[in-house]
Amino acid sequence: MNVMPLGEKVLIKRIEAEGKTAGGILLPDTAKEKPKEGKIIALGNGKLLKSGERAKFQVKKGERVLFSSYGGTEVKIDCEEYLLMSEDDILAVIE
């Protein structure tokens, strides 16, 4: 299925959480904290400005980003989990 976000929305695939601590202890799925890092899969067409033009995104498809803990809406597409969020919920780009 092909998904195209609307407006200033961004579709993000969350990067999997580490299954092991720094000390080597294996963590069960229930103890893992959901990562706040992901990869941008798709972008909308930009925020509509008062002038009628569309604002350009500060992020690009394929970039790794950090986002806020409670940002976005979890969606399931073709048995895969994604986050659909506003560009404002993205905090930083990881290089």
Protein backbone atom coordinates (compact mmCIF):
# COMPACT_ATOMS: atom_id res chain seq x y z
CA MET A 1 0.00 0.00 0.00
CA ASN A 2 1.28 3.46 -0.88
CA VAL A 3 0.58 6.18 1.73
CA MET A 4 0.89 9.91 1.04
CA PRO A 5 0.61 12.13 4.16
CA LEU A 6 -1.38 15.36 3.82
CA GLY A 7 -0.19 18.91 4.52
CA GLU A 8 2.71 19.15 6.97
CA LYS A 9 2.40 15.51 8.08
CA VAL A 10 5.31 13.07 7.96
CA LEU A 11 5.23 9.24 7.93
CA ILE A 12 7.98 7.73 10.10
CA LYS A 13 9.12 4.14 10.65
CA ARG A 14 10.27 3.80 14.25
CA ILE A 15 13.76 2.29 14.67
CA GLU A 16 13.68 -0.89 16.77
CA ALA A 17 14.57 -0.64 20.46
CA GLU A 18 17.74 -2.26 21.75
CA GLY A 19 17.13 -5.72 23.20
CA LYS A 20 20.18 -5.56 25.46
CA THR A 21 21.45 -3.06 28.04
CA ALA A 22 24.98 -1.65 28.02
CA GLY A 23 25.84 -4.22 30.70
CA GLY A 24 24.66 -7.10 28.50
CA ILE A 25 21.31 -7.84 30.18
CA LEU A 26 18.62 -9.01 27.73
CA LEU A 27 15.38 -7.06 27.98
CA PRO A 28 11.93 -8.56 27.36
CA ASP A 29 9.62 -6.67 24.97
CA THR A 30 7.53 -5.38 27.89
CA ALA A 31 10.57 -3.70 29.49
CA LYS A 32 11.75 -1.94 26.34
CA GLU A 33 11.01 1.76 26.06
CA LYS A 34 9.66 2.79 22.68
CA PRO A 35 12.45 4.52 20.78
CA LYS A 36 12.09 8.20 19.96
CA GLU A 37 14.09 7.76 16.79
CA GLY A 38 12.94 6.84 13.30
CA LYS A 39 13.41 7.07 9.56
CA ILE A 40 11.26 9.31 7.37
CA ILE A 41 9.30 7.22 4.86
CA ALA A 42 7.07 9.87 3.24
CA LEU A 43 6.32 13.60 3.40
CA GLY A 44 3.13 15.54 2.71
CA ASN A 45 3.09 18.52 0.36
CA GLY A 46 3.91 21.13 3.05
CA LYS A 47 2.05 23.46 5.36
CA LEU A 48 -0.33 25.83 3.62
CA LEU A 49 0.69 29.44 4.29
CA LYS A 50 -1.64 32.45 4.40
CA SER A 51 -0.26 33.52 1.02
CA GLY A 52 -1.56 30.28 -0.51
CA GLU A 53 1.93 28.87 -1.04
CA ARG A 54 3.27 25.68 0.54
CA ALA A 55 6.14 25.82 3.06
CA LYS A 56 9.13 23.58 2.32
CA PHE A 57 10.02 20.80 4.75
CA GLN A 58 13.19 21.04 6.84
CA VAL A 59 13.59 17.25 6.65
CA LYS A 60 13.93 14.86 3.70
CA LYS A 61 12.76 11.36 2.93
CA GLY A 62 15.23 8.76 4.25
CA GLU A 63 16.67 10.91 7.07
CA ARG A 64 16.94 9.59 10.63
CA VAL A 65 15.20 11.88 13.10
CA LEU A 66 14.47 12.28 16.81
CA PHE A 67 10.89 13.11 17.75
CA SER A 68 8.93 13.96 20.89
CA SER A 69 7.66 11.13 23.10
CA TYR A 70 3.98 11.83 22.69
CA GLY A 71 4.04 13.14 19.14
CA GLY A 72 2.23 11.48 16.31
CA THR A 73 -0.40 8.84 15.79
CA GLU A 74 0.51 5.17 15.52
CA VAL A 75 -0.84 3.54 12.36
CA LYS A 76 -0.52 0.02 10.98
CA ILE A 77 0.02 -0.36 7.23
CA ASP A 78 0.58 -3.79 5.66
CA CYS A 79 1.34 -5.32 9.10
CA GLU A 80 4.06 -2.69 9.75
CA GLU A 81 3.77 -0.01 12.45
CA TYR A 82 4.42 3.62 11.55
CA LEU A 83 3.98 7.05 13.13
CA LEU A 84 2.08 9.81 11.35
CA MET A 85 3.06 13.16 12.86
CA SER A 86 3.38 16.84 12.19
CA GLU A 87 6.79 18.18 11.21
CA ASP A 88 6.63 20.29 14.40
CA ASP A 89 6.95 17.09 16.50
CA ILE A 90 10.36 16.33 14.95
CA LEU A 91 13.11 17.63 17.22
CA ALA A 92 16.34 16.89 15.32
CA VAL A 93 17.97 15.19 12.33
CA ILE A 94 20.60 12.53 13.09
CA GLU A 95 23.59 12.61 10.72
